[in-house]
Amino acid sequence: MRPELEQAIQAARTLPAEDLPGLIGALEEVKATALVRLTAPALQPQAQDSWLDIGEASQLTSMSRSYLYRHADSLPFVRHEGRALRFSAIGIQQYLSGKRRR
């Protein structure tokens, strides 16, 4: 038995029956947290993102300005700032690398 769990085992053996639902709930929280960490992708430190204007995004993506304007609502790397559009440099890189894999 792992030393971290020995107190939980002892509590399960000795707690009054009315306190066991609380113990079970706490153990389920531990289990859920461990499962999330096990199944979630590893979190990488995020590089500082930069927000590009339409000209910079057009050059980086090799897409025309008009294409970017027409498809702004369906592109995952676009943010609306009032009437202006801003484009995530990291989002563009991820989008383009995903397109190449298909």
Protein backbone atom coordinates (compact mmCIF):
# COMPACT_ATOMS: atom_id res chain seq x y z
CA MET A 1 0.00 0.00 0.00
CA ARG A 2 1.26 3.48 -0.87
CA PRO A 3 2.14 5.49 2.24
CA GLU A 4 -0.02 8.38 0.98
CA LEU A 5 -3.09 6.15 1.18
CA GLU A 6 -2.50 4.54 4.53
CA GLN A 7 -4.39 7.30 6.38
CA ALA A 8 -7.34 6.88 4.01
CA ILE A 9 -7.41 3.12 4.62
CA GLN A 10 -7.21 3.67 8.37
CA ALA A 11 -10.03 6.22 8.17
CA ALA A 12 -12.18 3.79 6.15
CA ARG A 13 -11.66 1.16 8.86
CA THR A 14 -12.29 3.38 11.87
CA LEU A 15 -14.61 6.28 10.93
CA PRO A 16 -18.20 6.11 12.15
CA ALA A 17 -20.59 4.97 9.42
CA GLU A 18 -22.19 8.43 9.13
CA ASP A 19 -18.77 9.93 8.16
CA LEU A 20 -18.05 7.38 5.42
CA PRO A 21 -20.00 9.18 2.63
CA GLY A 22 -17.77 12.23 3.12
CA LEU A 23 -14.66 10.06 2.95
CA ILE A 24 -15.92 8.36 -0.21
CA GLY A 25 -16.60 11.77 -1.77
CA ALA A 26 -13.07 12.94 -0.96
CA LEU A 27 -11.62 9.75 -2.44
CA GLU A 28 -13.69 10.23 -5.61
CA GLU A 29 -12.27 13.75 -5.91
CA VAL A 30 -8.75 12.33 -5.66
CA LYS A 31 -9.61 9.69 -8.26
CA ALA A 32 -11.14 12.22 -10.66
CA THR A 33 -8.16 14.54 -10.34
CA ALA A 34 -5.74 11.70 -11.06
CA LEU A 35 -7.79 10.58 -14.07
CA VAL A 36 -7.87 14.09 -15.50
CA ARG A 37 -4.10 14.39 -15.18
CA LEU A 38 -3.65 10.97 -16.73
CA THR A 39 -5.91 11.56 -19.73
CA ALA A 40 -5.38 15.28 -20.40
CA PRO A 41 -2.63 16.31 -22.77
CA ALA A 42 0.47 17.48 -21.01
CA LEU A 43 0.40 21.21 -20.54
CA GLN A 44 3.26 22.87 -22.33
CA PRO A 45 4.47 26.29 -21.26
CA GLN A 46 2.80 28.67 -23.67
CA ALA A 47 4.99 30.90 -25.74
CA GLN A 48 4.01 34.55 -25.73
CA ASP A 49 1.48 34.97 -28.52
CA SER A 50 1.53 37.98 -30.78
CA TRP A 51 -1.52 39.39 -32.50
CA LEU A 52 -0.99 40.21 -36.15
CA ASP A 53 -2.81 42.60 -38.43
CA ILE A 54 -4.37 41.50 -41.72
CA GLY A 55 -1.22 42.16 -43.76
CA GLU A 56 1.03 40.13 -41.47
CA ALA A 57 -1.50 37.30 -41.29
CA SER A 58 -1.85 37.28 -45.07
CA GLN A 59 1.90 36.91 -45.50
CA LEU A 60 2.21 34.22 -42.84
CA THR A 61 -0.67 32.12 -44.15
CA SER A 62 -0.17 32.79 -47.87
CA MET A 63 -3.89 33.60 -47.96
CA SER A 64 -5.18 36.77 -49.55
CA ARG A 65 -6.51 39.58 -47.41
CA SER A 66 -9.96 39.17 -48.97
CA TYR A 67 -9.96 35.44 -48.15
CA LEU A 68 -9.07 36.17 -44.51
CA TYR A 69 -11.82 38.80 -44.27
CA ARG A 70 -14.43 36.52 -45.88
CA HIS A 71 -13.57 33.53 -43.68
CA ALA A 72 -12.72 35.32 -40.43
CA ASP A 73 -15.72 33.86 -38.60
CA SER A 74 -14.69 30.29 -39.40
CA LEU A 75 -10.95 30.55 -38.78
CA PRO A 76 -9.91 29.52 -35.25
CA PHE A 77 -7.04 32.02 -34.99
CA VAL A 78 -9.03 35.23 -35.52
CA ARG A 79 -10.17 37.68 -32.87
CA HIS A 80 -12.48 40.63 -33.47
CA GLU A 81 -11.43 43.88 -31.83
CA GLY A 82 -14.21 46.29 -32.66
CA ARG A 83 -14.21 46.49 -36.44
CA ALA A 84 -10.60 45.32 -36.70
CA LEU A 85 -9.43 41.73 -36.98
CA ARG A 86 -6.40 40.38 -35.16
CA PHE A 87 -4.74 37.08 -35.92
CA SER A 88 -2.93 34.86 -33.40
CA ALA A 89 0.57 33.97 -34.61
CA ILE A 90 0.56 30.76 -32.54
CA GLY A 91 -2.97 29.93 -33.73
CA ILE A 92 -1.89 30.34 -37.35
CA GLN A 93 1.09 28.03 -36.83
CA GLN A 94 -1.11 25.37 -35.21
CA TYR A 95 -3.73 25.72 -37.93
CA LEU A 96 -1.20 25.38 -40.73
CA SER A 97 0.57 22.40 -39.13
CA GLY A 98 -2.81 20.66 -38.73
CA LYS A 99 -3.66 21.31 -42.38
CA ARG A 100 -0.38 19.77 -43.55
CA ARG A 101 -0.96 16.52 -41.61
CA ARG A 102 -4.24 15.71 -43.37
